[in-house]
Amino acid sequence: MFASLDPAWVKVLERHVFAWAHAEHGIGLHVYTPAQRDAPTNMINNAMAVGAAHKLRFAQDLILYNLTLSDEVDGFNGELHRQTWQETRSGSPRASSPSA
């Protein structure tokens, strides 16, 4: 099924698309979840809880897709997303801050 993937697209996936899982996880866990706890009404609370669940689930979906490609595509580097997130200006807010 994955044999027809263009090698250029594989590089984009392993370096950039899967790095986005870290952002989604952070937004879901550290933005939506605390906001949900502090919401003034149940209606807002429920909307924030669903938003948090969607963010966390999307991050999980990206990582599961990464694991699938690691198993199915020869030469796929399933760990490269971490390096992108932690070390590049485009991947990490920490890397782009003046103090980093």
N, C-alpha and C. Protein backbone atom coordinates (compact mmCIF):
# COMPACT_ATOMS: atom_id res chain seq x y z
N MET A 1 0.82 -1.20 0.00
CA MET A 1 0.00 0.00 0.00
C MET A 1 0.86 1.27 0.00
N PHE A 2 1.95 1.27 0.77
CA PHE A 2 2.78 2.47 0.87
C PHE A 2 3.95 2.46 -0.10
N ALA A 3 4.07 1.43 -0.91
CA ALA A 3 5.20 1.31 -1.84
C ALA A 3 5.20 2.42 -2.88
N SER A 4 4.04 2.97 -3.18
CA SER A 4 3.96 4.00 -4.23
C SER A 4 4.21 5.42 -3.70
N LEU A 5 4.52 5.56 -2.41
CA LEU A 5 4.77 6.90 -1.87
C LEU A 5 6.02 7.50 -2.50
N ASP A 6 5.90 8.74 -2.92
CA ASP A 6 7.03 9.47 -3.49
C ASP A 6 8.07 9.68 -2.39
N PRO A 7 9.35 9.36 -2.64
CA PRO A 7 10.39 9.55 -1.62
C PRO A 7 10.49 10.99 -1.09
N ALA A 8 10.19 11.97 -1.94
CA ALA A 8 10.20 13.37 -1.48
C ALA A 8 9.10 13.60 -0.45
N TRP A 9 7.93 13.00 -0.68
CA TRP A 9 6.83 13.13 0.26
C TRP A 9 7.15 12.39 1.57
N VAL A 10 7.83 11.28 1.49
CA VAL A 10 8.24 10.55 2.70
C VAL A 10 9.11 11.43 3.57
N LYS A 11 10.03 12.18 2.96
CA LYS A 11 10.90 13.09 3.71
C LYS A 11 10.10 14.20 4.39
N VAL A 12 9.09 14.73 3.70
CA VAL A 12 8.23 15.75 4.29
C VAL A 12 7.46 15.16 5.47
N LEU A 13 6.94 13.96 5.31
CA LEU A 13 6.21 13.31 6.39
C LEU A 13 7.09 13.12 7.61
N GLU A 14 8.25 12.51 7.43
CA GLU A 14 9.08 12.17 8.58
C GLU A 14 9.65 13.39 9.28
N ARG A 15 9.90 14.47 8.56
CA ARG A 15 10.51 15.64 9.19
C ARG A 15 9.49 16.67 9.67
N HIS A 16 8.43 16.93 8.89
CA HIS A 16 7.55 18.05 9.20
C HIS A 16 6.16 17.66 9.67
N VAL A 17 5.50 16.76 8.96
CA VAL A 17 4.12 16.43 9.31
C VAL A 17 4.05 15.80 10.69
N PHE A 18 4.93 14.86 10.98
CA PHE A 18 4.86 14.18 12.27
C PHE A 18 5.36 15.03 13.41
N ALA A 19 6.15 16.06 13.13
CA ALA A 19 6.56 17.00 14.19
C ALA A 19 5.34 17.75 14.72
N TRP A 20 4.32 17.90 13.86
CA TRP A 20 3.11 18.61 14.28
C TRP A 20 2.38 17.88 15.41
N ALA A 21 2.61 16.60 15.57
CA ALA A 21 1.98 15.86 16.68
C ALA A 21 2.37 16.45 18.02
N HIS A 22 3.57 16.96 18.13
CA HIS A 22 4.03 17.55 19.39
C HIS A 22 3.26 18.83 19.70
N ALA A 23 3.01 19.64 18.68
CA ALA A 23 2.23 20.86 18.87
C ALA A 23 0.79 20.53 19.26
N GLU A 24 0.19 19.58 18.57
CA GLU A 24 -1.20 19.20 18.88
C GLU A 24 -1.32 18.67 20.30
N HIS A 25 -0.37 17.85 20.70
CA HIS A 25 -0.38 17.31 22.05
C HIS A 25 -0.26 18.43 23.08
N GLY A 26 0.65 19.35 22.85
CA GLY A 26 0.83 20.46 23.77
C GLY A 26 -0.39 21.35 23.87
N ILE A 27 -1.01 21.65 22.74
CA ILE A 27 -2.21 22.48 22.76
C ILE A 27 -3.34 21.78 23.50
N GLY A 28 -3.52 20.50 23.22
CA GLY A 28 -4.59 19.76 23.88
C GLY A 28 -4.39 19.62 25.37
N LEU A 29 -3.16 19.33 25.76
CA LEU A 29 -2.88 19.04 27.17
C LEU A 29 -2.65 20.31 28.00
N HIS A 30 -1.99 21.30 27.42
CA HIS A 30 -1.58 22.46 28.22
C HIS A 30 -2.37 23.73 27.95
N VAL A 31 -3.24 23.71 26.94
CA VAL A 31 -4.09 24.88 26.67
C VAL A 31 -5.56 24.52 26.90
N TYR A 32 -6.05 23.56 26.15
CA TYR A 32 -7.48 23.23 26.25
C TYR A 32 -7.86 22.61 27.60
N THR A 33 -7.07 21.70 28.10
CA THR A 33 -7.43 21.03 29.35
C THR A 33 -7.49 22.00 30.53
N PRO A 34 -6.48 22.85 30.76
CA PRO A 34 -6.60 23.82 31.85
C PRO A 34 -7.74 24.81 31.64
N ALA A 35 -7.95 25.24 30.38
CA ALA A 35 -9.04 26.18 30.10
C ALA A 35 -10.39 25.52 30.39
N GLN A 36 -10.49 24.24 30.09
CA GLN A 36 -11.73 23.51 30.35
C GLN A 36 -12.03 23.48 31.84
N ARG A 37 -11.01 23.33 32.64
CA ARG A 37 -11.21 23.27 34.09
C ARG A 37 -11.67 24.61 34.65
N ASP A 38 -11.25 25.70 34.02
CA ASP A 38 -11.57 27.04 34.52
C ASP A 38 -12.78 27.67 33.84
N ALA A 39 -13.45 26.94 32.97
CA ALA A 39 -14.57 27.51 32.21
C ALA A 39 -15.71 27.90 33.16
N PRO A 40 -16.36 29.02 32.86
CA PRO A 40 -17.41 29.52 33.76
C PRO A 40 -18.74 28.76 33.67
N THR A 41 -18.99 28.05 32.57
CA THR A 41 -20.26 27.34 32.43
C THR A 41 -20.02 25.93 31.92
N ASN A 42 -20.98 25.08 32.14
CA ASN A 42 -20.87 23.70 31.65
C ASN A 42 -20.82 23.63 30.13
N MET A 43 -21.52 24.54 29.46
CA MET A 43 -21.51 24.52 28.00
C MET A 43 -20.10 24.81 27.48
N ILE A 44 -19.44 25.81 28.03
CA ILE A 44 -18.07 26.12 27.62
C ILE A 44 -17.13 25.01 28.06
N ASN A 45 -17.35 24.50 29.25
CA ASN A 45 -16.54 23.40 29.78
C ASN A 45 -16.58 22.20 28.86
N ASN A 46 -17.77 21.83 28.41
CA ASN A 46 -17.90 20.68 27.52
C ASN A 46 -17.24 20.93 26.17
N ALA A 47 -17.39 22.13 25.63
CA ALA A 47 -16.76 22.46 24.35
C ALA A 47 -15.24 22.39 24.46
N MET A 48 -14.69 22.87 25.54
CA MET A 48 -13.23 22.83 25.73
C MET A 48 -12.75 21.40 25.94
N ALA A 49 -13.54 20.59 26.64
CA ALA A 49 -13.16 19.19 26.85
C ALA A 49 -13.14 18.43 25.52
N VAL A 50 -14.13 18.69 24.68
CA VAL A 50 -14.16 18.05 23.36
C VAL A 50 -12.99 18.55 22.50
N GLY A 51 -12.69 19.84 22.57
CA GLY A 51 -11.55 20.38 21.85
C GLY A 51 -10.24 19.73 22.29
N ALA A 52 -10.08 19.55 23.59
CA ALA A 52 -8.88 18.89 24.12
C ALA A 52 -8.79 17.45 23.62
N ALA A 53 -9.91 16.76 23.65
CA ALA A 53 -9.91 15.36 23.18
C ALA A 53 -9.56 15.28 21.70
N HIS A 54 -10.07 16.20 20.90
CA HIS A 54 -9.75 16.21 19.47
C HIS A 54 -8.27 16.46 19.23
N LYS A 55 -7.69 17.41 19.95
CA LYS A 55 -6.27 17.71 19.79
C LYS A 55 -5.42 16.50 20.18
N LEU A 56 -5.72 15.90 21.31
CA LEU A 56 -4.95 14.75 21.77
C LEU A 56 -5.12 13.56 20.84
N ARG A 57 -6.32 13.36 20.34
CA ARG A 57 -6.55 12.24 19.43
C ARG A 57 -5.83 12.46 18.09
N PHE A 58 -5.82 13.69 17.60
CA PHE A 58 -5.12 13.96 16.35
C PHE A 58 -3.62 13.72 16.51
N ALA A 59 -3.06 14.13 17.64
CA ALA A 59 -1.64 13.86 17.91
C ALA A 59 -1.38 12.36 17.93
N GLN A 60 -2.27 11.62 18.55
CA GLN A 60 -2.14 10.17 18.59
C GLN A 60 -2.25 9.56 17.19
N ASP A 61 -3.17 10.06 16.39
CA ASP A 61 -3.31 9.57 15.01
C ASP A 61 -2.04 9.78 14.21
N LEU A 62 -1.43 10.96 14.35
CA LEU A 62 -0.19 11.23 13.63
C LEU A 62 0.91 10.26 14.04
N ILE A 63 1.04 9.99 15.33
CA ILE A 63 2.10 9.09 15.81
C ILE A 63 1.81 7.65 15.37
N LEU A 64 0.56 7.25 15.37
CA LEU A 64 0.23 5.90 14.90
C LEU A 64 0.53 5.76 13.40
N TYR A 65 0.26 6.80 12.63
CA TYR A 65 0.60 6.78 11.20
C TYR A 65 2.12 6.71 11.04
N ASN A 66 2.85 7.45 11.88
CA ASN A 66 4.31 7.41 11.87
C ASN A 66 4.80 5.98 12.14
N LEU A 67 4.23 5.33 13.13
CA LEU A 67 4.64 3.95 13.44
C LEU A 67 4.34 3.00 12.29
N THR A 68 3.21 3.19 11.64
CA THR A 68 2.86 2.36 10.48
C THR A 68 3.88 2.53 9.36
N LEU A 69 4.21 3.78 9.07
CA LEU A 69 5.19 4.02 8.01
C LEU A 69 6.57 3.48 8.40
N SER A 70 6.91 3.55 9.68
CA SER A 70 8.19 3.00 10.13
C SER A 70 8.27 1.51 9.84
N ASP A 71 7.14 0.82 9.97
CA ASP A 71 7.11 -0.62 9.70
C ASP A 71 7.01 -0.95 8.22
N GLU A 72 6.36 -0.11 7.45
CA GLU A 72 6.01 -0.44 6.07
C GLU A 72 6.93 0.13 4.99
N VAL A 73 7.60 1.25 5.28
CA VAL A 73 8.39 1.93 4.26
C VAL A 73 9.88 1.77 4.57
N ASP A 74 10.59 1.16 3.65
CA ASP A 74 12.03 0.97 3.83
C ASP A 74 12.73 2.33 3.88
N GLY A 75 13.60 2.51 4.85
CA GLY A 75 14.36 3.74 4.98
C GLY A 75 13.63 4.87 5.67
N PHE A 76 12.40 4.63 6.13
CA PHE A 76 11.64 5.69 6.81
C PHE A 76 12.21 5.89 8.21
N ASN A 77 12.54 7.12 8.54
CA ASN A 77 13.10 7.45 9.86
C ASN A 77 11.98 7.96 10.76
N GLY A 78 11.42 7.07 11.56
CA GLY A 78 10.30 7.42 12.42
C GLY A 78 10.67 8.25 13.63
N GLU A 79 11.95 8.52 13.84
CA GLU A 79 12.40 9.32 14.98
C GLU A 79 12.74 10.76 14.59
N LEU A 80 12.78 11.05 13.31
CA LEU A 80 13.23 12.36 12.85
C LEU A 80 12.31 13.49 13.30
N HIS A 81 11.04 13.21 13.52
CA HIS A 81 10.10 14.26 13.95
C HIS A 81 10.52 14.86 15.28
N ARG A 82 11.10 14.06 16.17
CA ARG A 82 11.56 14.59 17.46
C ARG A 82 12.68 15.59 17.28
N GLN A 83 13.63 15.26 16.43
CA GLN A 83 14.74 16.17 16.17
C GLN A 83 14.22 17.48 15.57
N THR A 84 13.29 17.39 14.64
CA THR A 84 12.70 18.59 14.04
C THR A 84 12.03 19.45 15.10
N TRP A 85 11.24 18.82 15.95
CA TRP A 85 10.51 19.55 16.98
C TRP A 85 11.45 20.19 17.99
N GLN A 86 12.48 19.50 18.38
CA GLN A 86 13.36 19.99 19.43
C GLN A 86 14.46 20.94 18.96
N GLU A 87 14.88 20.82 17.70
CA GLU A 87 16.09 21.52 17.31
C GLU A 87 15.95 22.56 16.20
N THR A 88 14.86 22.55 15.46
CA THR A 88 14.78 23.50 14.35
C THR A 88 13.87 24.67 14.68
N ARG A 89 14.16 25.80 14.08
CA ARG A 89 13.35 27.00 14.32
C ARG A 89 11.91 26.83 13.87
N SER A 90 11.72 26.10 12.78
CA SER A 90 10.35 25.92 12.27
C SER A 90 9.57 24.91 13.09
N GLY A 91 10.23 24.07 13.86
CA GLY A 91 9.53 23.02 14.59
C GLY A 91 9.23 23.35 16.03
N SER A 92 10.08 24.13 16.68
CA SER A 92 9.92 24.31 18.12
C SER A 92 9.89 25.77 18.52
N PRO A 93 8.94 26.13 19.36
CA PRO A 93 8.94 27.50 19.89
C PRO A 93 10.20 27.80 20.69
N ARG A 94 10.75 26.78 21.35
CA ARG A 94 11.97 26.98 22.14
C ARG A 94 13.15 27.32 21.25
N ALA A 95 13.25 26.67 20.10
CA ALA A 95 14.39 26.90 19.22
C ALA A 95 14.34 28.29 18.59
N SER A 96 13.16 28.89 18.49
CA SER A 96 13.05 30.19 17.84
C SER A 96 13.08 31.34 18.83
N SER A 97 13.10 31.06 20.13
CA SER A 97 13.15 32.13 21.10
C SER A 97 14.57 32.66 21.23
N PRO A 98 14.73 33.94 21.54
CA PRO A 98 16.07 34.52 21.63
C PRO A 98 16.94 33.87 22.70
N SER A 99 16.34 33.31 23.74
CA SER A 99 17.12 32.72 24.82
C SER A 99 17.57 31.31 24.50
N ALA A 100 17.08 30.72 23.40
CA ALA A 100 17.43 29.33 23.07
C ALA A 100 18.77 29.24 22.38
